[in-house]
Amino acid sequence: METMNRLGKPINLLAVIAIATTGMNTPAMAGTDIASSEENVQLAQASLVGQCRAAKQQIPIFRESNSTSETLRLISVNDEVILADTSVGADGLIRISGPVTGYVHAINLKPCGGNTESPAIKDLCRQVIRPSQGLVIRRQPNPTAAQVGGIPYQGRITLTSNPPTNKTVNNRNWVEIALPAKGWVSNGLVTQAESNLSNCR
């Protein structure tokens, strides 16, 4: 059963916020959940995904969320990684998107020189500014392609490149993204000047 604090908020959300504000200097709760409300999920995503962390010591990057899986590479003290998830798994590992996609032990990470978002990642960050219902992430740049996710209004995405990888299909501009899911989002109609995305503030 999920424990509630005196304000009626799930305790496990507090654990996620603690991780974001302390730079993961303390062990995360095993099997940490994100609270189910959409507002709390957005808060957690905004506070971790795309953030920069540095290694406290030499640590391995694992292929899977399991410390017995293949080691992709070792990173040295103060080498930086980019977080790609909003929670730490039961085994204490968190997913990263850079320098390679994999998993590292969260307890071995610290903030990156006082700035939790690297300049490179900030350049790739975009915010949904229209429409009010948010955007659908599709597998291909086509309105009939399979849906692989979605981003709420004012939610953030991470581009695959800067300048963005663009395609025009069916009178619509499409942009390729890496997070929160790999795919394509519509950046507006060719016949309209307005864009659906803006630089992150």
N, C-alpha and C. Protein backbone atom coordinates (compact mmCIF):
# COMPACT_ATOMS: atom_id res chain seq x y z
N MET A 1 0.85 -1.19 0.00
CA MET A 1 0.00 0.00 0.00
C MET A 1 0.89 1.24 0.00
N GLU A 2 0.51 2.26 -0.74
CA GLU A 2 1.29 3.47 -0.84
C GLU A 2 1.07 4.35 0.38
N THR A 3 2.18 4.78 1.01
CA THR A 3 2.09 5.62 2.19
C THR A 3 1.86 7.06 1.79
N MET A 4 0.97 7.74 2.50
CA MET A 4 0.68 9.14 2.19
C MET A 4 1.22 10.01 3.32
N ASN A 5 1.71 11.20 2.98
CA ASN A 5 2.14 12.10 4.04
C ASN A 5 0.95 12.93 4.50
N ARG A 6 1.16 13.84 5.46
CA ARG A 6 0.04 14.58 6.05
C ARG A 6 -0.62 15.54 5.05
N LEU A 7 0.06 15.83 3.94
CA LEU A 7 -0.54 16.70 2.92
C LEU A 7 -1.30 15.89 1.88
N GLY A 8 -1.29 14.57 2.04
CA GLY A 8 -2.02 13.73 1.12
C GLY A 8 -1.29 13.43 -0.17
N LYS A 9 0.03 13.74 -0.23
CA LYS A 9 0.82 13.45 -1.43
C LYS A 9 1.58 12.15 -1.20
N PRO A 10 1.79 11.37 -2.26
CA PRO A 10 2.52 10.11 -2.10
C PRO A 10 3.95 10.36 -1.63
N ILE A 11 4.41 9.57 -0.69
CA ILE A 11 5.76 9.69 -0.16
C ILE A 11 6.80 9.43 -1.26
N ASN A 12 6.51 8.49 -2.19
CA ASN A 12 7.50 8.16 -3.20
C ASN A 12 7.81 9.34 -4.12
N LEU A 13 6.89 10.28 -4.31
CA LEU A 13 7.18 11.48 -5.08
C LEU A 13 8.23 12.32 -4.37
N LEU A 14 8.14 12.39 -3.04
CA LEU A 14 9.13 13.14 -2.28
C LEU A 14 10.52 12.57 -2.48
N ALA A 15 10.61 11.25 -2.63
CA ALA A 15 11.91 10.62 -2.87
C ALA A 15 12.48 11.07 -4.20
N VAL A 16 11.64 11.17 -5.23
CA VAL A 16 12.10 11.61 -6.55
C VAL A 16 12.58 13.06 -6.49
N ILE A 17 11.81 13.90 -5.80
CA ILE A 17 12.20 15.31 -5.67
C ILE A 17 13.51 15.43 -4.90
N ALA A 18 13.68 14.61 -3.87
CA ALA A 18 14.92 14.62 -3.10
C ALA A 18 16.11 14.26 -3.98
N ILE A 19 15.93 13.28 -4.87
CA ILE A 19 17.01 12.90 -5.78
C ILE A 19 17.38 14.08 -6.67
N ALA A 20 16.37 14.76 -7.21
CA ALA A 20 16.62 15.88 -8.13
C ALA A 20 17.34 17.02 -7.44
N THR A 21 17.00 17.31 -6.20
CA THR A 21 17.57 18.48 -5.52
C THR A 21 18.90 18.20 -4.84
N THR A 22 19.19 16.94 -4.54
CA THR A 22 20.45 16.62 -3.86
C THR A 22 21.50 16.11 -4.82
N GLY A 23 21.14 15.96 -6.09
CA GLY A 23 22.11 15.47 -7.04
C GLY A 23 22.40 13.99 -6.85
N MET A 24 21.50 13.28 -6.25
CA MET A 24 21.62 11.84 -6.04
C MET A 24 22.77 11.50 -5.11
N ASN A 25 23.04 12.32 -4.10
CA ASN A 25 24.11 12.03 -3.16
C ASN A 25 23.73 10.96 -2.15
N THR A 26 22.45 10.67 -2.04
CA THR A 26 22.01 9.65 -1.11
C THR A 26 21.36 8.53 -1.88
N PRO A 27 21.37 7.31 -1.32
CA PRO A 27 20.75 6.20 -2.05
C PRO A 27 19.29 6.46 -2.30
N ALA A 28 18.84 6.14 -3.49
CA ALA A 28 17.42 6.30 -3.83
C ALA A 28 16.64 5.13 -3.27
N MET A 29 15.35 5.33 -3.03
CA MET A 29 14.50 4.25 -2.57
C MET A 29 14.39 3.21 -3.65
N ALA A 30 14.53 1.95 -3.28
CA ALA A 30 14.41 0.87 -4.25
C ALA A 30 13.01 0.86 -4.83
N GLY A 31 12.93 0.67 -6.14
CA GLY A 31 11.63 0.57 -6.78
C GLY A 31 10.83 1.85 -6.71
N THR A 32 11.50 3.01 -6.69
CA THR A 32 10.80 4.28 -6.57
C THR A 32 9.77 4.43 -7.68
N ASP A 33 8.55 4.78 -7.31
CA ASP A 33 7.48 5.07 -8.27
C ASP A 33 7.37 6.56 -8.46
N ILE A 34 6.76 6.95 -9.55
CA ILE A 34 6.35 8.33 -9.71
C ILE A 34 4.86 8.35 -9.41
N ALA A 35 4.41 9.38 -8.71
CA ALA A 35 2.98 9.47 -8.39
C ALA A 35 2.17 9.45 -9.68
N SER A 36 0.98 8.92 -9.61
CA SER A 36 0.21 8.69 -10.83
C SER A 36 -0.42 9.94 -11.42
N SER A 37 -0.56 11.01 -10.66
CA SER A 37 -1.21 12.19 -11.22
C SER A 37 -0.34 12.81 -12.31
N GLU A 38 -0.96 13.30 -13.38
CA GLU A 38 -0.22 13.84 -14.53
C GLU A 38 0.66 15.01 -14.12
N GLU A 39 0.18 15.84 -13.21
CA GLU A 39 0.95 17.00 -12.76
C GLU A 39 2.24 16.56 -12.08
N ASN A 40 2.17 15.54 -11.22
CA ASN A 40 3.35 15.07 -10.52
C ASN A 40 4.33 14.38 -11.47
N VAL A 41 3.82 13.67 -12.45
CA VAL A 41 4.68 13.03 -13.44
C VAL A 41 5.45 14.09 -14.21
N GLN A 42 4.77 15.16 -14.62
CA GLN A 42 5.42 16.23 -15.36
C GLN A 42 6.49 16.90 -14.51
N LEU A 43 6.22 17.08 -13.21
CA LEU A 43 7.19 17.69 -12.31
C LEU A 43 8.45 16.84 -12.24
N ALA A 44 8.27 15.53 -12.07
CA ALA A 44 9.41 14.64 -11.96
C ALA A 44 10.19 14.61 -13.26
N GLN A 45 9.49 14.56 -14.42
CA GLN A 45 10.18 14.53 -15.69
C GLN A 45 10.99 15.80 -15.89
N ALA A 46 10.39 16.93 -15.57
CA ALA A 46 11.07 18.21 -15.76
C ALA A 46 12.31 18.29 -14.88
N SER A 47 12.30 17.61 -13.71
CA SER A 47 13.39 17.76 -12.78
C SER A 47 14.54 16.79 -13.02
N LEU A 48 14.37 15.73 -13.83
CA LEU A 48 15.44 14.77 -14.02
C LEU A 48 15.83 14.54 -15.48
N VAL A 49 14.88 14.27 -16.36
CA VAL A 49 15.21 13.92 -17.74
C VAL A 49 15.97 15.07 -18.41
N GLY A 50 17.12 14.75 -19.02
CA GLY A 50 17.93 15.74 -19.70
C GLY A 50 18.95 16.43 -18.82
N GLN A 51 18.93 16.11 -17.53
CA GLN A 51 19.89 16.76 -16.63
C GLN A 51 21.26 16.10 -16.70
N CYS A 52 22.26 16.89 -16.37
CA CYS A 52 23.64 16.43 -16.37
C CYS A 52 24.03 15.97 -14.97
N ARG A 53 24.74 14.85 -14.90
CA ARG A 53 25.35 14.37 -13.65
C ARG A 53 26.77 13.96 -13.96
N ALA A 54 27.64 14.05 -12.96
CA ALA A 54 29.04 13.65 -13.09
C ALA A 54 29.33 12.45 -12.19
N ALA A 55 30.30 11.64 -12.59
CA ALA A 55 30.65 10.45 -11.82
C ALA A 55 31.50 10.83 -10.61
N LYS A 56 31.15 10.28 -9.44
CA LYS A 56 31.95 10.50 -8.23
C LYS A 56 33.24 9.69 -8.27
N GLN A 57 33.21 8.59 -9.02
CA GLN A 57 34.35 7.67 -9.12
C GLN A 57 34.24 6.97 -10.47
N GLN A 58 35.22 6.13 -10.78
CA GLN A 58 35.12 5.37 -12.03
C GLN A 58 33.95 4.39 -11.91
N ILE A 59 33.02 4.44 -12.88
CA ILE A 59 31.85 3.57 -12.81
C ILE A 59 31.54 2.97 -14.18
N PRO A 60 30.90 1.80 -14.21
CA PRO A 60 30.51 1.19 -15.48
C PRO A 60 29.15 1.69 -15.96
N ILE A 61 28.97 1.67 -17.27
CA ILE A 61 27.65 1.88 -17.88
C ILE A 61 27.19 0.51 -18.36
N PHE A 62 26.04 0.05 -17.85
CA PHE A 62 25.51 -1.26 -18.20
C PHE A 62 24.52 -1.15 -19.36
N ARG A 63 24.46 -2.20 -20.18
CA ARG A 63 23.53 -2.23 -21.30
C ARG A 63 22.08 -2.27 -20.83
N GLU A 64 21.80 -3.06 -19.80
CA GLU A 64 20.44 -3.25 -19.28
C GLU A 64 20.34 -2.72 -17.86
N SER A 65 19.12 -2.63 -17.34
CA SER A 65 18.90 -2.19 -15.96
C SER A 65 19.17 -3.34 -15.00
N ASN A 66 20.42 -3.81 -15.05
CA ASN A 66 20.84 -4.96 -14.26
C ASN A 66 22.36 -4.92 -14.19
N SER A 67 22.92 -4.92 -12.99
CA SER A 67 24.37 -4.77 -12.84
C SER A 67 25.15 -6.02 -13.27
N THR A 68 24.44 -7.08 -13.66
CA THR A 68 25.12 -8.27 -14.20
C THR A 68 25.08 -8.29 -15.72
N SER A 69 24.45 -7.26 -16.34
CA SER A 69 24.39 -7.20 -17.80
C SER A 69 25.73 -6.71 -18.34
N GLU A 70 25.86 -6.72 -19.66
CA GLU A 70 27.11 -6.32 -20.32
C GLU A 70 27.49 -4.88 -19.96
N THR A 71 28.79 -4.68 -19.68
CA THR A 71 29.31 -3.33 -19.44
C THR A 71 29.69 -2.71 -20.77
N LEU A 72 29.06 -1.58 -21.11
CA LEU A 72 29.31 -0.92 -22.39
C LEU A 72 30.64 -0.17 -22.36
N ARG A 73 30.91 0.47 -21.23
CA ARG A 73 32.16 1.21 -21.07
C ARG A 73 32.30 1.67 -19.63
N LEU A 74 33.50 2.10 -19.27
CA LEU A 74 33.75 2.70 -17.96
C LEU A 74 33.88 4.19 -18.14
N ILE A 75 33.35 4.95 -17.19
CA ILE A 75 33.55 6.40 -17.22
C ILE A 75 34.37 6.79 -16.00
N SER A 76 35.20 7.79 -16.17
CA SER A 76 36.13 8.21 -15.12
C SER A 76 35.51 9.22 -14.18
N VAL A 77 36.23 9.52 -13.10
CA VAL A 77 35.78 10.53 -12.13
C VAL A 77 35.53 11.85 -12.86
N ASN A 78 34.39 12.46 -12.57
CA ASN A 78 33.95 13.75 -13.13
C ASN A 78 33.51 13.69 -14.59
N ASP A 79 33.56 12.51 -15.23
CA ASP A 79 32.96 12.39 -16.56
C ASP A 79 31.45 12.61 -16.42
N GLU A 80 30.83 13.23 -17.43
CA GLU A 80 29.42 13.59 -17.34
C GLU A 80 28.52 12.60 -18.08
N VAL A 81 27.32 12.42 -17.53
CA VAL A 81 26.28 11.61 -18.18
C VAL A 81 25.00 12.45 -18.23
N ILE A 82 24.09 12.08 -19.12
CA ILE A 82 22.80 12.77 -19.24
C ILE A 82 21.70 11.81 -18.82
N LEU A 83 20.90 12.21 -17.84
CA LEU A 83 19.82 11.36 -17.34
C LEU A 83 18.71 11.24 -18.38
N ALA A 84 18.14 10.02 -18.46
CA ALA A 84 17.08 9.76 -19.45
C ALA A 84 15.86 9.14 -18.81
N ASP A 85 15.76 9.20 -17.49
CA ASP A 85 14.62 8.61 -16.82
C ASP A 85 14.25 9.45 -15.61
N THR A 86 13.06 9.21 -15.07
CA THR A 86 12.55 9.99 -13.95
C THR A 86 12.61 9.25 -12.63
N SER A 87 13.10 8.01 -12.65
CA SER A 87 13.15 7.25 -11.41
C SER A 87 14.32 6.27 -11.43
N VAL A 88 14.68 5.82 -10.24
CA VAL A 88 15.75 4.85 -10.06
C VAL A 88 15.12 3.48 -9.87
N GLY A 89 15.66 2.48 -10.55
CA GLY A 89 15.10 1.13 -10.47
C GLY A 89 15.37 0.46 -9.14
N ALA A 90 14.81 -0.70 -8.97
CA ALA A 90 14.93 -1.46 -7.73
C ALA A 90 16.38 -1.80 -7.40
N ASP A 91 17.22 -1.91 -8.44
CA ASP A 91 18.63 -2.25 -8.22
C ASP A 91 19.51 -1.01 -8.11
N GLY A 92 18.90 0.19 -8.03
CA GLY A 92 19.66 1.42 -7.84
C GLY A 92 20.22 2.01 -9.12
N LEU A 93 19.80 1.48 -10.28
CA LEU A 93 20.30 1.98 -11.57
C LEU A 93 19.31 2.97 -12.18
N ILE A 94 19.86 3.95 -12.89
CA ILE A 94 19.03 4.91 -13.61
C ILE A 94 19.49 4.96 -15.06
N ARG A 95 18.55 5.14 -15.99
CA ARG A 95 18.86 5.15 -17.42
C ARG A 95 19.50 6.48 -17.81
N ILE A 96 20.50 6.43 -18.70
CA ILE A 96 21.16 7.62 -19.22
C ILE A 96 21.11 7.59 -20.75
N SER A 97 21.19 8.78 -21.37
CA SER A 97 21.19 8.87 -22.83
C SER A 97 22.55 9.28 -23.38
N GLY A 98 23.48 9.63 -22.52
CA GLY A 98 24.80 10.01 -22.99
C GLY A 98 25.83 9.83 -21.90
N PRO A 99 27.06 9.52 -22.22
CA PRO A 99 27.68 9.50 -23.55
C PRO A 99 27.21 8.35 -24.44
N VAL A 100 26.66 7.29 -23.85
CA VAL A 100 26.00 6.22 -24.59
C VAL A 100 24.71 5.90 -23.85
N THR A 101 23.77 5.24 -24.51
CA THR A 101 22.54 4.84 -23.85
C THR A 101 22.80 3.60 -23.00
N GLY A 102 22.43 3.68 -21.73
CA GLY A 102 22.65 2.56 -20.82
C GLY A 102 22.16 2.90 -19.42
N TYR A 103 22.74 2.23 -18.43
CA TYR A 103 22.32 2.39 -17.03
C TYR A 103 23.54 2.52 -16.12
N VAL A 104 23.43 3.40 -15.13
CA VAL A 104 24.49 3.56 -14.14
C VAL A 104 23.88 3.58 -12.75
N HIS A 105 24.72 3.30 -11.73
CA HIS A 105 24.25 3.36 -10.35
C HIS A 105 24.08 4.83 -9.94
N ALA A 106 22.87 5.19 -9.55
CA ALA A 106 22.54 6.58 -9.21
C ALA A 106 23.36 7.10 -8.03
N ILE A 107 23.69 6.23 -7.10
CA ILE A 107 24.41 6.67 -5.90
C ILE A 107 25.82 7.17 -6.23
N ASN A 108 26.34 6.78 -7.40
CA ASN A 108 27.69 7.19 -7.80
C ASN A 108 27.71 8.48 -8.61
N LEU A 109 26.57 9.19 -8.65
CA LEU A 109 26.48 10.42 -9.42
C LEU A 109 26.39 11.65 -8.53
N LYS A 110 26.84 12.78 -9.08
CA LYS A 110 26.78 14.07 -8.38
C LYS A 110 26.42 15.14 -9.41
N PRO A 111 26.02 16.35 -8.95
CA PRO A 111 25.70 17.42 -9.92
C PRO A 111 26.92 17.78 -10.77
N CYS A 112 26.68 18.26 -11.97
CA CYS A 112 27.75 18.67 -12.88
C CYS A 112 28.17 20.11 -12.59
N GLY A 113 29.17 20.30 -11.82
CA GLY A 113 29.73 21.63 -11.57
C GLY A 113 28.72 22.68 -11.21
N GLY A 114 27.66 22.32 -10.47
CA GLY A 114 26.66 23.27 -10.02
C GLY A 114 25.58 23.54 -11.03
N ASN A 115 25.75 23.03 -12.26
CA ASN A 115 24.73 23.22 -13.29
C ASN A 115 24.20 21.85 -13.68
N THR A 116 22.91 21.60 -13.45
CA THR A 116 22.36 20.27 -13.67
C THR A 116 21.93 20.01 -15.10
N GLU A 117 22.06 20.98 -15.97
CA GLU A 117 21.71 20.76 -17.38
C GLU A 117 22.87 21.21 -18.25
N SER A 118 23.45 20.30 -19.03
CA SER A 118 24.62 20.64 -19.84
C SER A 118 24.20 21.57 -20.98
N PRO A 119 25.13 22.44 -21.43
CA PRO A 119 24.81 23.35 -22.53
C PRO A 119 24.37 22.61 -23.78
N ALA A 120 25.01 21.46 -24.08
CA ALA A 120 24.64 20.70 -25.28
C ALA A 120 23.20 20.23 -25.21
N ILE A 121 22.79 19.72 -24.04
CA ILE A 121 21.42 19.25 -23.88
C ILE A 121 20.45 20.41 -23.91
N LYS A 122 20.82 21.55 -23.34
CA LYS A 122 19.93 22.71 -23.36
C LYS A 122 19.66 23.15 -24.79
N ASP A 123 20.67 23.06 -25.67
CA ASP A 123 20.49 23.42 -27.07
C ASP A 123 19.51 22.49 -27.78
N LEU A 124 19.38 21.26 -27.29
CA LEU A 124 18.49 20.27 -27.90
C LEU A 124 17.09 20.29 -27.29
N CYS A 125 16.90 21.06 -26.24
CA CYS A 125 15.63 21.09 -25.52
C CYS A 125 14.63 22.01 -26.21
N ARG A 126 13.40 21.52 -26.36
CA ARG A 126 12.30 22.33 -26.89
C ARG A 126 11.08 22.13 -26.01
N GLN A 127 10.21 23.14 -25.99
CA GLN A 127 9.00 23.11 -25.18
C GLN A 127 7.78 23.22 -26.08
N VAL A 128 6.74 22.44 -25.75
CA VAL A 128 5.51 22.46 -26.53
C VAL A 128 4.70 23.72 -26.17
N ILE A 129 4.47 24.60 -27.13
CA ILE A 129 3.73 25.83 -26.86
C ILE A 129 2.36 25.85 -27.54
N ARG A 130 2.09 24.91 -28.40
CA ARG A 130 0.80 24.73 -29.03
C ARG A 130 0.75 23.35 -29.68
N PRO A 131 -0.38 22.74 -29.80
CA PRO A 131 -1.71 23.14 -29.33
C PRO A 131 -1.87 22.86 -27.83
N SER A 132 -2.98 23.30 -27.28
CA SER A 132 -3.21 23.18 -25.84
C SER A 132 -3.33 21.74 -25.38
N GLN A 133 -3.69 20.82 -26.28
CA GLN A 133 -3.81 19.42 -25.89
C GLN A 133 -2.48 18.67 -25.99
N GLY A 134 -1.40 19.36 -26.39
CA GLY A 134 -0.10 18.72 -26.49
C GLY A 134 0.12 18.08 -27.85
N LEU A 135 1.20 17.32 -27.97
CA LEU A 135 1.57 16.72 -29.24
C LEU A 135 1.69 15.20 -29.13
N VAL A 136 1.43 14.53 -30.24
CA VAL A 136 1.59 13.08 -30.33
C VAL A 136 2.97 12.79 -30.91
N ILE A 137 3.65 11.80 -30.35
CA ILE A 137 4.93 11.34 -30.91
C ILE A 137 4.61 10.15 -31.82
N ARG A 138 5.05 10.22 -33.08
CA ARG A 138 4.78 9.14 -34.03
C ARG A 138 6.09 8.48 -34.47
N ARG A 139 5.98 7.20 -34.82
CA ARG A 139 7.17 6.43 -35.21
C ARG A 139 7.82 7.00 -36.47
N GLN A 140 7.01 7.51 -37.39
CA GLN A 140 7.49 8.10 -38.63
C GLN A 140 6.85 9.48 -38.80
N PRO A 141 7.44 10.36 -39.64
CA PRO A 141 6.86 11.69 -39.85
C PRO A 141 5.64 11.64 -40.75
N ASN A 142 4.55 11.13 -40.20
CA ASN A 142 3.33 10.95 -40.97
C ASN A 142 2.16 10.90 -39.98
N PRO A 143 1.07 11.63 -40.25
CA PRO A 143 -0.05 11.65 -39.31
C PRO A 143 -0.75 10.30 -39.13
N THR A 144 -0.47 9.34 -40.01
CA THR A 144 -1.09 8.01 -39.87
C THR A 144 -0.12 6.98 -39.28
N ALA A 145 1.12 7.39 -39.00
CA ALA A 145 2.11 6.46 -38.44
C ALA A 145 1.75 6.09 -37.00
N ALA A 146 2.28 4.97 -36.54
CA ALA A 146 1.99 4.48 -35.18
C ALA A 146 2.39 5.51 -34.13
N GLN A 147 1.56 5.64 -33.11
CA GLN A 147 1.81 6.55 -32.00
C GLN A 147 2.72 5.85 -30.98
N VAL A 148 3.81 6.51 -30.58
CA VAL A 148 4.74 5.92 -29.61
C VAL A 148 4.79 6.68 -28.29
N GLY A 149 4.02 7.76 -28.19
CA GLY A 149 4.00 8.54 -26.96
C GLY A 149 3.33 9.88 -27.18
N GLY A 150 3.46 10.75 -26.20
CA GLY A 150 2.87 12.07 -26.29
C GLY A 150 3.56 13.03 -25.35
N ILE A 151 3.42 14.32 -25.61
CA ILE A 151 3.99 15.36 -24.75
C ILE A 151 2.88 16.34 -24.42
N PRO A 152 2.66 16.65 -23.14
CA PRO A 152 1.61 17.59 -22.77
C PRO A 152 1.99 19.02 -23.14
N TYR A 153 1.01 19.89 -23.15
CA TYR A 153 1.24 21.32 -23.36
C TYR A 153 2.27 21.81 -22.35
N GLN A 154 3.28 22.53 -22.81
CA GLN A 154 4.40 23.06 -22.04
C GLN A 154 5.36 21.97 -21.55
N GLY A 155 5.15 20.73 -22.03
CA GLY A 155 6.10 19.66 -21.74
C GLY A 155 7.36 19.86 -22.58
N ARG A 156 8.43 19.13 -22.22
CA ARG A 156 9.70 19.28 -22.90
C ARG A 156 10.06 18.04 -23.72
N ILE A 157 10.75 18.28 -24.81
CA ILE A 157 11.28 17.21 -25.64
C ILE A 157 12.77 17.46 -25.84
N THR A 158 13.49 16.42 -26.28
CA THR A 158 14.90 16.55 -26.62
C THR A 158 15.06 16.18 -28.10
N LEU A 159 15.57 17.12 -28.88
CA LEU A 159 15.80 16.88 -30.31
C LEU A 159 16.93 15.88 -30.51
N THR A 160 16.99 15.26 -31.68
CA THR A 160 18.10 14.36 -31.99
C THR A 160 19.32 15.13 -32.46
N SER A 161 19.13 16.36 -32.91
CA SER A 161 20.25 17.17 -33.40
C SER A 161 19.87 18.65 -33.37
N ASN A 162 20.88 19.50 -33.45
CA ASN A 162 20.66 20.94 -33.54
C ASN A 162 21.60 21.48 -34.61
N PRO A 163 21.09 22.00 -35.74
CA PRO A 163 19.68 22.25 -36.02
C PRO A 163 18.88 20.96 -36.11
N PRO A 164 17.55 21.06 -35.89
CA PRO A 164 16.70 19.87 -35.86
C PRO A 164 16.66 19.14 -37.19
N THR A 165 16.43 17.82 -37.12
CA THR A 165 16.18 17.02 -38.31
C THR A 165 14.71 17.21 -38.69
N ASN A 166 14.45 17.83 -39.84
CA ASN A 166 13.09 18.18 -40.27
C ASN A 166 12.70 17.40 -41.52
N LYS A 167 11.41 17.12 -41.63
CA LYS A 167 10.84 16.56 -42.86
C LYS A 167 9.48 17.20 -43.06
N THR A 168 9.10 17.39 -44.33
CA THR A 168 7.78 17.90 -44.65
C THR A 168 6.98 16.78 -45.30
N VAL A 169 5.87 16.40 -44.67
CA VAL A 169 5.01 15.33 -45.17
C VAL A 169 3.56 15.78 -45.01
N ASN A 170 2.76 15.62 -46.07
CA ASN A 170 1.34 15.99 -46.03
C ASN A 170 1.11 17.42 -45.55
N ASN A 171 1.90 18.37 -46.09
CA ASN A 171 1.74 19.79 -45.79
C ASN A 171 2.02 20.12 -44.31
N ARG A 172 2.78 19.26 -43.63
CA ARG A 172 3.07 19.45 -42.21
C ARG A 172 4.58 19.31 -41.98
N ASN A 173 5.13 20.20 -41.15
CA ASN A 173 6.54 20.11 -40.77
C ASN A 173 6.70 19.13 -39.61
N TRP A 174 7.67 18.23 -39.70
CA TRP A 174 7.93 17.24 -38.66
C TRP A 174 9.35 17.39 -38.14
N VAL A 175 9.53 17.17 -36.84
CA VAL A 175 10.84 17.26 -36.20
C VAL A 175 11.14 15.94 -35.51
N GLU A 176 12.35 15.43 -35.71
CA GLU A 176 12.75 14.18 -35.06
C GLU A 176 13.20 14.45 -33.63
N ILE A 177 12.75 13.62 -32.68
CA ILE A 177 13.12 13.79 -31.28
C ILE A 177 13.69 12.49 -30.71
N ALA A 178 14.47 12.64 -29.63
CA ALA A 178 15.07 11.48 -28.95
C ALA A 178 14.34 11.16 -27.65
N LEU A 179 13.81 12.17 -26.97
CA LEU A 179 13.14 11.99 -25.68
C LEU A 179 11.90 12.88 -25.63
N PRO A 180 10.84 12.48 -24.92
CA PRO A 180 10.73 11.35 -24.00
C PRO A 180 10.59 10.00 -24.69
N ALA A 181 10.44 9.96 -26.02
CA ALA A 181 10.44 8.73 -26.79
C ALA A 181 11.01 9.04 -28.16
N LYS A 182 11.68 8.09 -28.76
CA LYS A 182 12.26 8.30 -30.10
C LYS A 182 11.14 8.32 -31.13
N GLY A 183 11.12 9.35 -31.95
CA GLY A 183 10.07 9.45 -32.96
C GLY A 183 10.02 10.84 -33.58
N TRP A 184 8.84 11.22 -34.04
CA TRP A 184 8.64 12.50 -34.74
C TRP A 184 7.43 13.22 -34.18
N VAL A 185 7.52 14.55 -34.10
CA VAL A 185 6.37 15.36 -33.68
C VAL A 185 6.11 16.43 -34.73
N SER A 186 4.85 16.82 -34.83
CA SER A 186 4.48 17.87 -35.79
C SER A 186 4.89 19.23 -35.24
N ASN A 187 5.53 20.02 -36.10
CA ASN A 187 5.91 21.37 -35.70
C ASN A 187 5.08 22.42 -36.43
N GLY A 188 3.87 22.02 -36.84
CA GLY A 188 2.96 22.97 -37.48
C GLY A 188 2.80 22.72 -38.96
N LEU A 189 1.85 23.43 -39.55
CA LEU A 189 1.57 23.31 -40.98
C LEU A 189 2.50 24.19 -41.80
N VAL A 190 2.80 23.75 -43.00
CA VAL A 190 3.66 24.52 -43.90
C VAL A 190 3.05 25.88 -44.20
N THR A 191 1.71 25.94 -44.25
CA THR A 191 1.01 27.18 -44.61
C THR A 191 0.87 28.15 -43.44
N GLN A 192 1.32 27.75 -42.24
CA GLN A 192 1.21 28.63 -41.07
C GLN A 192 2.59 29.04 -40.58
N ALA A 193 2.70 30.27 -40.11
CA ALA A 193 3.98 30.76 -39.61
C ALA A 193 4.29 30.27 -38.21
N GLU A 194 3.25 29.93 -37.45
CA GLU A 194 3.45 29.54 -36.06
C GLU A 194 4.07 28.16 -35.94
N SER A 195 4.94 28.02 -34.94
CA SER A 195 5.57 26.75 -34.64
C SER A 195 4.93 26.14 -33.40
N ASN A 196 4.94 24.82 -33.29
CA ASN A 196 4.42 24.16 -32.09
C ASN A 196 5.44 24.08 -30.98
N LEU A 197 6.71 24.38 -31.30
CA LEU A 197 7.80 24.23 -30.34
C LEU A 197 8.56 25.54 -30.17
N SER A 198 9.11 25.74 -28.97
CA SER A 198 9.98 26.89 -28.73
C SER A 198 11.21 26.41 -27.94
N ASN A 199 12.24 27.23 -27.90
CA ASN A 199 13.41 26.89 -27.08
C ASN A 199 12.99 26.83 -25.62
N CYS A 200 13.62 25.91 -24.87
CA CYS A 200 13.31 25.79 -23.44
C CYS A 200 13.83 27.03 -22.72
N ARG A 201 13.03 27.47 -21.73
CA ARG A 201 13.43 28.65 -20.96
C ARG A 201 14.42 28.24 -19.90
